């Protein structure tokens, strides 16, 4: 990110669009993964949506779809 900021034109905005940092590379739920992926694509194309659902939060997704299931 610092390198990109150094070379980008001054009139260009830069922002991060992606998943929150996590110890796991995936949520453990295919449905939640799909919702997160849709949100990323929509935000990237500037069709922002506010929230996916509370189920995308790690502490909630564990209750919805535990890793052992």
Protein backbone atom coordinates (compact mmCIF):
# COMPACT_ATOMS: atom_id res chain seq x y z
CA UNK A 1 0.00 0.00 0.00
CA UNK A 2 2.72 2.57 0.77
CA UNK A 3 4.40 1.88 -2.58
CA UNK A 4 1.15 2.29 -4.48
CA UNK A 5 0.49 5.58 -2.68
CA UNK A 6 3.95 6.81 -3.75
CA UNK A 7 3.35 6.21 -7.47
CA UNK A 8 -0.36 7.00 -7.85
CA UNK A 9 -1.37 10.34 -9.37
CA UNK A 10 -2.36 12.95 -6.78
CA UNK A 11 -5.87 13.29 -8.20
CA UNK A 12 -6.52 9.56 -7.76
CA UNK A 13 -8.18 8.18 -4.62
CA UNK A 14 -7.00 4.91 -3.14
CA UNK A 15 -8.97 2.73 -0.76
CA UNK A 16 -8.86 -0.89 0.36
CA UNK A 17 -11.73 -3.15 -0.63
CA UNK A 18 -11.53 -6.66 0.75
CA UNK A 19 -12.09 -8.93 3.67
CA UNK A 20 -11.13 -8.00 7.20
CA UNK A 21 -7.86 -9.40 8.48
CA UNK A 22 -8.32 -12.88 9.90
CA UNK A 23 -6.24 -15.84 11.02
CA UNK A 24 -8.25 -17.96 8.60
CA UNK A 25 -8.29 -17.29 4.84
CA UNK A 26 -11.97 -18.26 4.63
CA UNK A 27 -15.11 -17.99 6.76
CA UNK A 28 -15.79 -21.72 6.78
CA UNK A 29 -19.19 -21.12 5.20
CA UNK A 30 -19.71 -21.21 1.45
CA UNK A 31 -22.79 -18.98 1.75
CA UNK A 32 -21.00 -16.31 3.78
CA UNK A 33 -18.02 -16.50 1.40
CA UNK A 34 -20.35 -15.86 -1.53
CA UNK A 35 -21.95 -12.88 0.21
CA UNK A 36 -18.56 -11.41 1.08
CA UNK A 37 -17.35 -11.92 -2.49
CA UNK A 38 -20.46 -10.19 -3.85
CA UNK A 39 -19.90 -7.24 -1.52
CA UNK A 40 -16.26 -6.93 -2.66
CA UNK A 41 -17.24 -6.95 -6.33
CA UNK A 42 -20.06 -4.44 -5.77
CA UNK A 43 -17.80 -2.08 -3.83
CA UNK A 44 -15.07 -2.41 -6.45
CA UNK A 45 -17.53 -1.44 -9.17
CA UNK A 46 -18.72 1.43 -6.96
CA UNK A 47 -22.14 -0.10 -6.38
CA UNK A 48 -21.60 -0.06 -2.63
CA UNK A 49 -23.85 -1.95 -0.28
CA UNK A 50 -23.76 -1.19 3.42
CA UNK A 51 -23.57 -4.56 5.12
CA UNK A 52 -23.74 -8.22 4.23
CA UNK A 53 -25.05 -9.55 7.50
CA UNK A 54 -23.93 -10.02 11.06
CA UNK A 55 -23.21 -13.64 10.15
CA UNK A 56 -20.05 -12.54 8.35
CA UNK A 57 -18.52 -11.53 11.68
CA UNK A 58 -16.20 -14.29 12.98
CA UNK A 59 -17.91 -14.70 16.34
CA UNK A 60 -21.33 -15.00 14.68
CA UNK A 61 -20.24 -17.23 11.79
CA UNK A 62 -18.85 -19.75 14.28
CA UNK A 63 -22.36 -20.05 15.75
CA UNK A 64 -24.00 -20.20 12.32
CA UNK A 65 -21.58 -22.65 10.71
CA UNK A 66 -19.00 -24.11 13.10
CA UNK A 67 -15.76 -25.30 11.46
CA UNK A 68 -16.51 -28.88 12.52
CA UNK A 69 -19.75 -29.05 10.51
